[in-house]
PDB file of all heavy atoms in Angstrom:
ATOM      1  N   GLY A   1     -46.248 -66.878  84.917  1.00  0.00           N
ATOM      2  CA  GLY A   1     -44.916 -66.926  85.509  1.00  0.00           C
ATOM      3  C   GLY A   1     -43.961 -65.915  84.947  1.00  0.00           C
ATOM      4  O   GLY A   1     -42.764 -65.989  85.159  1.00  0.00           O
ATOM      5  N   GLY A   2     -44.451 -64.907  84.204  1.00  0.00           N
ATOM      6  CA  GLY A   2     -43.581 -63.886  83.637  1.00  0.00           C
ATOM      7  C   GLY A   2     -44.090 -62.512  83.977  1.00  0.00           C
ATOM      8  O   GLY A   2     -44.946 -62.331  84.832  1.00  0.00           O
ATOM      9  N   GLY A   3     -43.544 -61.491  83.330  1.00  0.00           N
ATOM     10  CA  GLY A   3     -44.022 -60.136  83.534  1.00  0.00           C
ATOM     11  C   GLY A   3     -43.210 -59.370  84.540  1.00  0.00           C
ATOM     12  O   GLY A   3     -43.716 -58.951  85.572  1.00  0.00           O
ATOM     13  N   SER A   4     -41.931 -59.160  84.268  1.00  0.00           N
ATOM     14  CA  SER A   4     -41.058 -58.510  85.229  1.00  0.00           C
ATOM     15  C   SER A   4     -41.375 -57.040  85.415  1.00  0.00           C
ATOM     16  O   SER A   4     -40.967 -56.436  86.398  1.00  0.00           O
ATOM     17  CB  SER A   4     -39.595 -58.648  84.770  1.00  0.00           C
ATOM     18  OG  SER A   4     -39.416 -58.080  83.494  1.00  0.00           O
ATOM     19  N   ALA A   5     -42.126 -56.429  84.468  1.00  0.00           N
ATOM     20  CA  ALA A   5     -42.429 -55.011  84.599  1.00  0.00           C
ATOM     21  C   ALA A   5     -43.434 -54.728  85.694  1.00  0.00           C
ATOM     22  O   ALA A   5     -43.574 -53.608  86.153  1.00  0.00           O
ATOM     23  CB  ALA A   5     -42.971 -54.464  83.267  1.00  0.00           C
ATOM     24  N   GLY A   6     -44.163 -55.760  86.149  1.00  0.00           N
ATOM     25  CA  GLY A   6     -45.152 -55.555  87.192  1.00  0.00           C
ATOM     26  C   GLY A   6     -46.503 -55.247  86.604  1.00  0.00           C
ATOM     27  O   GLY A   6     -46.633 -54.702  85.517  1.00  0.00           O
ATOM     28  N   PRO A   7     -47.569 -55.611  87.338  1.00  0.00           N
ATOM     29  CA  PRO A   7     -48.909 -55.483  86.784  1.00  0.00           C
ATOM     30  C   PRO A   7     -49.366 -54.057  86.624  1.00  0.00           C
ATOM     31  O   PRO A   7     -50.317 -53.799  85.905  1.00  0.00           O
ATOM     32  CB  PRO A   7     -49.780 -56.229  87.817  1.00  0.00           C
ATOM     33  CG  PRO A   7     -49.008 -56.138  89.096  1.00  0.00           C
ATOM     34  CD  PRO A   7     -47.567 -56.181  88.698  1.00  0.00           C
ATOM     35  N   ASN A   8     -48.740 -53.067  87.297  1.00  0.00           N
ATOM     36  CA  ASN A   8     -49.189 -51.680  87.216  1.00  0.00           C
ATOM     37  C   ASN A   8     -48.268 -50.790  86.394  1.00  0.00           C
ATOM     38  O   ASN A   8     -48.392 -49.573  86.419  1.00  0.00           O
ATOM     39  CB  ASN A   8     -49.332 -51.099  88.632  1.00  0.00           C
ATOM     40  CG  ASN A   8     -50.391 -51.839  89.430  1.00  0.00           C
ATOM     41  OD1 ASN A   8     -51.459 -52.130  88.924  1.00  0.00           O
ATOM     42  ND2 ASN A   8     -50.080 -52.153  90.678  1.00  0.00           N
ATOM     43  N   ALA A   9     -47.288 -51.396  85.707  1.00  0.00           N
ATOM     44  CA  ALA A   9     -46.356 -50.588  84.918  1.00  0.00           C
ATOM     45  C   ALA A   9     -47.080 -49.944  83.741  1.00  0.00           C
ATOM     46  O   ALA A   9     -47.927 -50.554  83.111  1.00  0.00           O
ATOM     47  CB  ALA A   9     -45.218 -51.478  84.410  1.00  0.00           C
ATOM     48  N   GLU A  10     -46.744 -48.708  83.458  1.00  0.00           N
ATOM     49  CA  GLU A  10     -47.357 -48.023  82.331  1.00  0.00           C
ATOM     50  C   GLU A  10     -46.601 -48.334  81.051  1.00  0.00           C
ATOM     51  O   GLU A  10     -45.383 -48.405  81.029  1.00  0.00           O
ATOM     52  CB  GLU A  10     -47.365 -46.510  82.573  1.00  0.00           C
ATOM     53  CG  GLU A  10     -48.271 -46.085  83.717  1.00  0.00           C
ATOM     54  CD  GLU A  10     -48.394 -44.583  83.792  1.00  0.00           C
ATOM     55  OE1 GLU A  10     -47.817 -43.910  82.910  1.00  0.00           O
ATOM     56  OE2 GLU A  10     -49.054 -44.089  84.721  1.00  0.00           O
ATOM     57  N   GLY A  11     -47.342 -48.492  79.956  1.00  0.00           N
ATOM     58  CA  GLY A  11     -46.704 -48.783  78.684  1.00  0.00           C
ATOM     59  C   GLY A  11     -46.067 -47.549  78.078  1.00  0.00           C
ATOM     60  O   GLY A  11     -46.398 -46.412  78.409  1.00  0.00           O
ATOM     61  N   LEU A  12     -45.111 -47.793  77.194  1.00  0.00           N
ATOM     62  CA  LEU A  12     -44.471 -46.693  76.484  1.00  0.00           C
ATOM     63  C   LEU A  12     -45.391 -46.098  75.432  1.00  0.00           C
ATOM     64  O   LEU A  12     -45.259 -44.940  75.068  1.00  0.00           O
ATOM     65  CB  LEU A  12     -43.181 -47.199  75.813  1.00  0.00           C
ATOM     66  CG  LEU A  12     -42.113 -47.759  76.754  1.00  0.00           C
ATOM     67  CD1 LEU A  12     -40.961 -48.307  75.928  1.00  0.00           C
ATOM     68  CD2 LEU A  12     -41.632 -46.698  77.722  1.00  0.00           C
ATOM     69  N   ALA A  13     -46.309 -46.883  74.917  1.00  0.00           N
ATOM     70  CA  ALA A  13     -47.232 -46.399  73.891  1.00  0.00           C
ATOM     71  C   ALA A  13     -48.590 -47.036  74.108  1.00  0.00           C
ATOM     72  O   ALA A  13     -48.685 -48.164  74.583  1.00  0.00           O
ATOM     73  CB  ALA A  13     -46.712 -46.755  72.493  1.00  0.00           C
ATOM     74  N   GLY A  14     -49.636 -46.294  73.792  1.00  0.00           N
ATOM     75  CA  GLY A  14     -50.991 -46.810  73.917  1.00  0.00           C
ATOM     76  C   GLY A  14     -51.655 -46.884  72.557  1.00  0.00           C
ATOM     77  O   GLY A  14     -51.514 -45.989  71.732  1.00  0.00           O
ATOM     78  N   LEU A  15     -52.353 -47.970  72.308  1.00  0.00           N
ATOM     79  CA  LEU A  15     -53.108 -48.132  71.072  1.00  0.00           C
ATOM     80  C   LEU A  15     -54.578 -47.841  71.369  1.00  0.00           C
ATOM     81  O   LEU A  15     -55.091 -48.250  72.402  1.00  0.00           O
ATOM     82  CB  LEU A  15     -52.973 -49.559  70.537  1.00  0.00           C
ATOM     83  CG  LEU A  15     -51.562 -50.022  70.174  1.00  0.00           C
ATOM     84  CD1 LEU A  15     -51.611 -51.444  69.649  1.00  0.00           C
ATOM     85  CD2 LEU A  15     -50.935 -49.096  69.147  1.00  0.00           C
ATOM     86  N   PRO A  16     -55.252 -47.142  70.473  1.00  0.00           N
ATOM     87  CA  PRO A  16     -56.657 -46.842  70.725  1.00  0.00           C
ATOM     88  C   PRO A  16     -57.494 -48.108  70.698  1.00  0.00           C
ATOM     89  O   PRO A  16     -57.245 -49.018  69.902  1.00  0.00           O
ATOM     90  CB  PRO A  16     -57.029 -45.914  69.563  1.00  0.00           C
ATOM     91  CG  PRO A  16     -56.051 -46.248  68.481  1.00  0.00           C
ATOM     92  CD  PRO A  16     -54.778 -46.608  69.191  1.00  0.00           C
ATOM     93  N   ALA A  17     -58.477 -48.172  71.584  1.00  0.00           N
ATOM     94  CA  ALA A  17     -59.398 -49.306  71.621  1.00  0.00           C
ATOM     95  C   ALA A  17     -60.731 -48.872  71.018  1.00  0.00           C
ATOM     96  O   ALA A  17     -61.122 -47.719  71.110  1.00  0.00           O
ATOM     97  CB  ALA A  17     -59.584 -49.799  73.053  1.00  0.00           C
ATOM     98  N   ASP A  18     -61.420 -49.802  70.394  1.00  0.00           N
ATOM     99  CA  ASP A  18     -62.674 -49.495  69.722  1.00  0.00           C
ATOM    100  C   ASP A  18     -63.532 -50.748  69.808  1.00  0.00           C
ATOM    101  O   ASP A  18     -63.054 -51.859  69.531  1.00  0.00           O
ATOM    102  CB  ASP A  18     -62.395 -49.120  68.257  1.00  0.00           C
ATOM    103  CG  ASP A  18     -63.622 -48.570  67.542  1.00  0.00           C
ATOM    104  OD1 ASP A  18     -64.663 -49.254  67.556  1.00  0.00           O
ATOM    105  OD2 ASP A  18     -63.533 -47.475  66.985  1.00  0.00           O
ATOM    106  N   ASP A  19     -64.802 -50.580  70.179  1.00  0.00           N
ATOM    107  CA  ASP A  19     -65.682 -51.741  70.301  1.00  0.00           C
ATOM    108  C   ASP A  19     -65.764 -52.537  69.002  1.00  0.00           C
ATOM    109  O   ASP A  19     -65.945 -53.753  69.007  1.00  0.00           O
ATOM    110  CB  ASP A  19     -67.082 -51.299  70.717  1.00  0.00           C
ATOM    111  CG  ASP A  19     -67.147 -50.852  72.167  1.00  0.00           C
ATOM    112  OD1 ASP A  19     -66.194 -51.160  72.915  1.00  0.00           O
ATOM    113  OD2 ASP A  19     -68.139 -50.204  72.555  1.00  0.00           O
ATOM    114  N   ARG A  20     -65.632 -51.851  67.867  1.00  0.00           N
ATOM    115  CA  ARG A  20     -65.718 -52.549  66.584  1.00  0.00           C
ATOM    116  C   ARG A  20     -64.538 -53.488  66.362  1.00  0.00           C
ATOM    117  O   ARG A  20     -64.622 -54.438  65.585  1.00  0.00           O
ATOM    118  CB  ARG A  20     -65.810 -51.525  65.453  1.00  0.00           C
ATOM    119  CG  ARG A  20     -67.155 -50.804  65.406  1.00  0.00           C
ATOM    120  CD  ARG A  20     -67.108 -49.521  64.632  1.00  0.00           C
ATOM    121  NE  ARG A  20     -66.327 -48.501  65.326  1.00  0.00           N
ATOM    122  CZ  ARG A  20     -66.453 -47.201  65.106  1.00  0.00           C
ATOM    123  NH1 ARG A  20     -67.318 -46.770  64.235  1.00  0.00           N
ATOM    124  NH2 ARG A  20     -65.715 -46.331  65.761  1.00  0.00           N
ATOM    125  N   LEU A  21     -63.425 -53.231  67.068  1.00  0.00           N
ATOM    126  CA  LEU A  21     -62.266 -54.105  66.931  1.00  0.00           C
ATOM    127  C   LEU A  21     -62.562 -55.514  67.406  1.00  0.00           C
ATOM    128  O   LEU A  21     -62.015 -56.487  66.885  1.00  0.00           O
ATOM    129  CB  LEU A  21     -61.085 -53.549  67.735  1.00  0.00           C
ATOM    130  CG  LEU A  21     -60.387 -52.315  67.173  1.00  0.00           C
ATOM    131  CD1 LEU A  21     -59.339 -51.814  68.141  1.00  0.00           C
ATOM    132  CD2 LEU A  21     -59.754 -52.624  65.831  1.00  0.00           C
ATOM    133  N   VAL A  22     -63.417 -55.653  68.413  1.00  0.00           N
ATOM    134  CA  VAL A  22     -63.746 -56.982  68.932  1.00  0.00           C
ATOM    135  C   VAL A  22     -64.316 -57.853  67.815  1.00  0.00           C
ATOM    136  O   VAL A  22     -63.863 -58.978  67.583  1.00  0.00           O
ATOM    137  CB  VAL A  22     -64.747 -56.874  70.099  1.00  0.00           C
ATOM    138  CG1 VAL A  22     -65.138 -58.263  70.602  1.00  0.00           C
ATOM    139  CG2 VAL A  22     -64.162 -56.044  71.237  1.00  0.00           C
ATOM    140  N   ALA A  23     -65.315 -57.309  67.116  1.00  0.00           N
ATOM    141  CA  ALA A  23     -65.927 -58.074  66.019  1.00  0.00           C
ATOM    142  C   ALA A  23     -64.955 -58.288  64.871  1.00  0.00           C
ATOM    143  O   ALA A  23     -64.915 -59.369  64.271  1.00  0.00           O
ATOM    144  CB  ALA A  23     -67.187 -57.354  65.533  1.00  0.00           C
ATOM    145  N   LEU A  24     -64.143 -57.271  64.556  1.00  0.00           N
ATOM    146  CA  LEU A  24     -63.232 -57.391  63.417  1.00  0.00           C
ATOM    147  C   LEU A  24     -62.082 -58.345  63.696  1.00  0.00           C
ATOM    148  O   LEU A  24     -61.663 -59.101  62.805  1.00  0.00           O
ATOM    149  CB  LEU A  24     -62.702 -56.005  63.035  1.00  0.00           C
ATOM    150  CG  LEU A  24     -63.733 -55.068  62.411  1.00  0.00           C
ATOM    151  CD1 LEU A  24     -63.146 -53.676  62.203  1.00  0.00           C
ATOM    152  CD2 LEU A  24     -64.242 -55.628  61.081  1.00  0.00           C
ATOM    153  N   PHE A  25     -61.533 -58.327  64.920  1.00  0.00           N
ATOM    154  CA  PHE A  25     -60.489 -59.294  65.262  1.00  0.00           C
ATOM    155  C   PHE A  25     -61.022 -60.716  65.123  1.00  0.00           C
ATOM    156  O   PHE A  25     -60.347 -61.606  64.596  1.00  0.00           O
ATOM    157  CB  PHE A  25     -59.979 -59.064  66.685  1.00  0.00           C
ATOM    158  CG  PHE A  25     -58.805 -58.129  66.761  1.00  0.00           C
ATOM    159  CD1 PHE A  25     -58.901 -56.921  67.420  1.00  0.00           C
ATOM    160  CD2 PHE A  25     -57.594 -58.461  66.179  1.00  0.00           C
ATOM    161  CE1 PHE A  25     -57.826 -56.053  67.499  1.00  0.00           C
ATOM    162  CE2 PHE A  25     -56.514 -57.601  66.248  1.00  0.00           C
ATOM    163  CZ  PHE A  25     -56.627 -56.398  66.910  1.00  0.00           C
ATOM    164  N   GLU A  26     -62.238 -60.939  65.597  1.00  0.00           N
ATOM    165  CA  GLU A  26     -62.853 -62.259  65.473  1.00  0.00           C
ATOM    166  C   GLU A  26     -63.048 -62.619  64.004  1.00  0.00           C
ATOM    167  O   GLU A  26     -62.794 -63.754  63.588  1.00  0.00           O
ATOM    168  CB  GLU A  26     -64.195 -62.269  66.202  1.00  0.00           C
ATOM    169  CG  GLU A  26     -64.938 -63.601  66.090  1.00  0.00           C
ATOM    170  CD  GLU A  26     -66.327 -63.530  66.702  1.00  0.00           C
ATOM    171  OE1 GLU A  26     -67.094 -62.629  66.313  1.00  0.00           O
ATOM    172  OE2 GLU A  26     -66.625 -64.381  67.553  1.00  0.00           O
ATOM    173  N   ALA A  27     -63.501 -61.648  63.217  1.00  0.00           N
ATOM    174  CA  ALA A  27     -63.747 -61.919  61.801  1.00  0.00           C
ATOM    175  C   ALA A  27     -62.464 -62.276  61.064  1.00  0.00           C
ATOM    176  O   ALA A  27     -62.437 -63.186  60.228  1.00  0.00           O
ATOM    177  CB  ALA A  27     -64.419 -60.701  61.155  1.00  0.00           C
ATOM    178  N   VAL A  28     -61.364 -61.559  61.363  1.00  0.00           N
ATOM    179  CA  VAL A  28     -60.080 -61.857  60.720  1.00  0.00           C
ATOM    180  C   VAL A  28     -59.573 -63.226  61.155  1.00  0.00           C
ATOM    181  O   VAL A  28     -59.141 -64.045  60.339  1.00  0.00           O
ATOM    182  CB  VAL A  28     -59.051 -60.758  61.060  1.00  0.00           C
ATOM    183  CG1 VAL A  28     -57.664 -61.170  60.583  1.00  0.00           C
ATOM    184  CG2 VAL A  28     -59.448 -59.437  60.419  1.00  0.00           C
ATOM    185  N   ALA A  29     -59.629 -63.497  62.467  1.00  0.00           N
ATOM    186  CA  ALA A  29     -59.073 -64.746  62.997  1.00  0.00           C
ATOM    187  C   ALA A  29     -59.850 -65.967  62.533  1.00  0.00           C
ATOM    188  O   ALA A  29     -59.263 -67.023  62.264  1.00  0.00           O
ATOM    189  CB  ALA A  29     -59.052 -64.687  64.524  1.00  0.00           C
ATOM    190  N   GLU A  30     -61.179 -65.831  62.409  1.00  0.00           N
ATOM    191  CA  GLU A  30     -62.014 -66.994  62.107  1.00  0.00           C
ATOM    192  C   GLU A  30     -62.552 -66.977  60.681  1.00  0.00           C
ATOM    193  O   GLU A  30     -63.388 -67.787  60.325  1.00  0.00           O
ATOM    194  CB  GLU A  30     -63.178 -67.065  63.100  1.00  0.00           C
ATOM    195  CG  GLU A  30     -62.698 -67.205  64.550  1.00  0.00           C
ATOM    196  CD  GLU A  30     -63.840 -67.340  65.525  1.00  0.00           C
ATOM    197  OE1 GLU A  30     -65.008 -67.351  65.075  1.00  0.00           O
ATOM    198  OE2 GLU A  30     -63.573 -67.435  66.733  1.00  0.00           O
ATOM    199  N   ARG A  31     -62.057 -66.029  59.866  1.00  0.00           N
ATOM    200  CA  ARG A  31     -62.445 -65.922  58.465  1.00  0.00           C
ATOM    201  C   ARG A  31     -63.973 -65.808  58.325  1.00  0.00           C
ATOM    202  O   ARG A  31     -64.616 -66.534  57.578  1.00  0.00           O
ATOM    203  CB  ARG A  31     -61.910 -67.105  57.659  1.00  0.00           C
ATOM    204  CG  ARG A  31     -60.397 -67.100  57.546  1.00  0.00           C
ATOM    205  CD  ARG A  31     -59.851 -68.236  56.714  1.00  0.00           C
ATOM    206  NE  ARG A  31     -59.971 -69.509  57.388  1.00  0.00           N
ATOM    207  CZ  ARG A  31     -60.718 -70.510  56.961  1.00  0.00           C
ATOM    208  NH1 ARG A  31     -61.402 -70.410  55.834  1.00  0.00           N
ATOM    209  NH2 ARG A  31     -60.773 -71.634  57.637  1.00  0.00           N
ATOM    210  N   ARG A  32     -64.527 -64.845  59.075  1.00  0.00           N
ATOM    211  CA  ARG A  32     -65.957 -64.549  59.011  1.00  0.00           C
ATOM    212  C   ARG A  32     -66.196 -63.357  58.078  1.00  0.00           C
ATOM    213  O   ARG A  32     -65.459 -62.385  58.135  1.00  0.00           O
ATOM    214  CB  ARG A  32     -66.506 -64.197  60.403  1.00  0.00           C
ATOM    215  CG  ARG A  32     -66.444 -65.329  61.426  1.00  0.00           C
ATOM    216  CD  ARG A  32     -66.876 -64.809  62.784  1.00  0.00           C
ATOM    217  NE  ARG A  32     -66.815 -65.826  63.817  1.00  0.00           N
ATOM    218  CZ  ARG A  32     -67.863 -66.555  64.225  1.00  0.00           C
ATOM    219  NH1 ARG A  32     -69.055 -66.330  63.682  1.00  0.00           N
ATOM    220  NH2 ARG A  32     -67.734 -67.459  65.168  1.00  0.00           N
ATOM    221  N   GLU A  33     -67.197 -63.428  57.255  1.00  0.00           N
ATOM    222  CA  GLU A  33     -67.586 -62.288  56.440  1.00  0.00           C
ATOM    223  C   GLU A  33     -68.073 -61.167  57.367  1.00  0.00           C
ATOM    224  O   GLU A  33     -68.758 -61.425  58.357  1.00  0.00           O
ATOM    225  CB  GLU A  33     -68.699 -62.710  55.486  1.00  0.00           C
ATOM    226  CG  GLU A  33     -69.094 -61.669  54.463  1.00  0.00           C
ATOM    227  CD  GLU A  33     -70.179 -62.187  53.551  1.00  0.00           C
ATOM    228  OE1 GLU A  33     -71.367 -62.099  53.945  1.00  0.00           O
ATOM    229  OE2 GLU A  33     -69.853 -62.711  52.472  1.00  0.00           O
ATOM    230  N   ALA A  34     -67.703 -59.926  57.059  1.00  0.00           N
ATOM    231  CA  ALA A  34     -68.081 -58.783  57.895  1.00  0.00           C
ATOM    232  C   ALA A  34     -68.929 -57.802  57.086  1.00  0.00           C
ATOM    233  O   ALA A  34     -68.699 -57.603  55.890  1.00  0.00           O
ATOM    234  CB  ALA A  34     -66.843 -58.083  58.438  1.00  0.00           C
ATOM    235  N   ARG A  35     -69.891 -57.178  57.772  1.00  0.00           N
ATOM    236  CA  ARG A  35     -70.767 -56.196  57.138  1.00  0.00           C
ATOM    237  C   ARG A  35     -70.815 -54.938  57.994  1.00  0.00           C
ATOM    238  O   ARG A  35     -70.963 -55.022  59.214  1.00  0.00           O
ATOM    239  CB  ARG A  35     -72.171 -56.770  56.946  1.00  0.00           C
ATOM    240  CG  ARG A  35     -72.237 -57.913  55.949  1.00  0.00           C
ATOM    241  CD  ARG A  35     -73.606 -58.573  55.928  1.00  0.00           C
ATOM    242  NE  ARG A  35     -73.894 -59.263  57.177  1.00  0.00           N
ATOM    243  CZ  ARG A  35     -73.469 -60.476  57.478  1.00  0.00           C
ATOM    244  NH1 ARG A  35     -72.706 -61.143  56.605  1.00  0.00           N
ATOM    245  NH2 ARG A  35     -73.775 -61.032  58.615  1.00  0.00           N
ATOM    246  N   PHE A  36     -70.684 -53.789  57.356  1.00  0.00           N
ATOM    247  CA  PHE A  36     -70.741 -52.520  58.059  1.00  0.00           C
ATOM    248  C   PHE A  36     -71.040 -51.405  57.052  1.00  0.00           C
ATOM    249  O   PHE A  36     -71.046 -51.635  55.837  1.00  0.00           O
ATOM    250  CB  PHE A  36     -69.429 -52.232  58.803  1.00  0.00           C
ATOM    251  CG  PHE A  36     -68.185 -52.380  57.964  1.00  0.00           C
ATOM    252  CD1 PHE A  36     -67.745 -51.360  57.127  1.00  0.00           C
ATOM    253  CD2 PHE A  36     -67.443 -53.564  58.007  1.00  0.00           C
ATOM    254  CE1 PHE A  36     -66.591 -51.506  56.356  1.00  0.00           C
ATOM    255  CE2 PHE A  36     -66.293 -53.719  57.242  1.00  0.00           C
ATOM    256  CZ  PHE A  36     -65.866 -52.684  56.412  1.00  0.00           C
ATOM    257  N   ARG A  37     -71.273 -50.205  57.567  1.00  0.00           N
ATOM    258  CA  ARG A  37     -71.545 -49.044  56.720  1.00  0.00           C
ATOM    259  C   ARG A  37     -70.343 -48.120  56.757  1.00  0.00           C
ATOM    260  O   ARG A  37     -69.830 -47.806  57.826  1.00  0.00           O
ATOM    261  CB  ARG A  37     -72.806 -48.314  57.184  1.00  0.00           C
ATOM    262  CG  ARG A  37     -73.309 -47.289  56.178  1.00  0.00           C
ATOM    263  CD  ARG A  37     -74.755 -46.910  56.448  1.00  0.00           C
ATOM    264  NE  ARG A  37     -75.272 -45.946  55.477  1.00  0.00           N
ATOM    265  CZ  ARG A  37     -75.713 -46.267  54.279  1.00  0.00           C
ATOM    266  NH1 ARG A  37     -75.702 -47.531  53.896  1.00  0.00           N
ATOM    267  NH2 ARG A  37     -76.166 -45.335  53.450  1.00  0.00           N
ATOM    268  N   TYR A  38     -69.901 -47.686  55.572  1.00  0.00           N
ATOM    269  CA  TYR A  38     -68.677 -46.896  55.466  1.00  0.00           C
ATOM    270  C   TYR A  38     -68.854 -45.868  54.361  1.00  0.00           C
ATOM    271  O   TYR A  38     -69.190 -46.234  53.229  1.00  0.00           O
ATOM    272  CB  TYR A  38     -67.504 -47.827  55.155  1.00  0.00           C
ATOM    273  CG  TYR A  38     -66.127 -47.231  55.336  1.00  0.00           C
ATOM    274  CD1 TYR A  38     -65.523 -47.198  56.589  1.00  0.00           C
ATOM    275  CD2 TYR A  38     -65.429 -46.714  54.258  1.00  0.00           C
ATOM    276  CE1 TYR A  38     -64.257 -46.668  56.755  1.00  0.00           C
ATOM    277  CE2 TYR A  38     -64.162 -46.174  54.417  1.00  0.00           C
ATOM    278  CZ  TYR A  38     -63.583 -46.164  55.671  1.00  0.00           C
ATOM    279  OH  TYR A  38     -62.320 -45.625  55.833  1.00  0.00           O
ATOM    280  N   HIS A  39     -68.648 -44.591  54.700  1.00  0.00           N
ATOM    281  CA  HIS A  39     -68.861 -43.505  53.744  1.00  0.00           C
ATOM    282  C   HIS A  39     -70.243 -43.613  53.092  1.00  0.00           C
ATOM    283  O   HIS A  39     -70.398 -43.525  51.867  1.00  0.00           O
ATOM    284  CB  HIS A  39     -67.767 -43.490  52.671  1.00  0.00           C
ATOM    285  CG  HIS A  39     -66.436 -43.040  53.184  1.00  0.00           C
ATOM    286  ND1 HIS A  39     -66.262 -41.875  53.914  1.00  0.00           N
ATOM    287  CD2 HIS A  39     -65.199 -43.599  53.082  1.00  0.00           C
ATOM    288  CE1 HIS A  39     -64.992 -41.746  54.234  1.00  0.00           C
ATOM    289  NE2 HIS A  39     -64.325 -42.766  53.753  1.00  0.00           N
TER     290      HIS A  39
END
């Protein structure tokens, strides 16, 4: 019942999306241990 800007309005700023964010958001929200390779 909200959203006065309309469904096709462009945002003022875009944040990059990354497939790894899906797993990391879940890990942060649900306090899951995460494993990955870095440097």
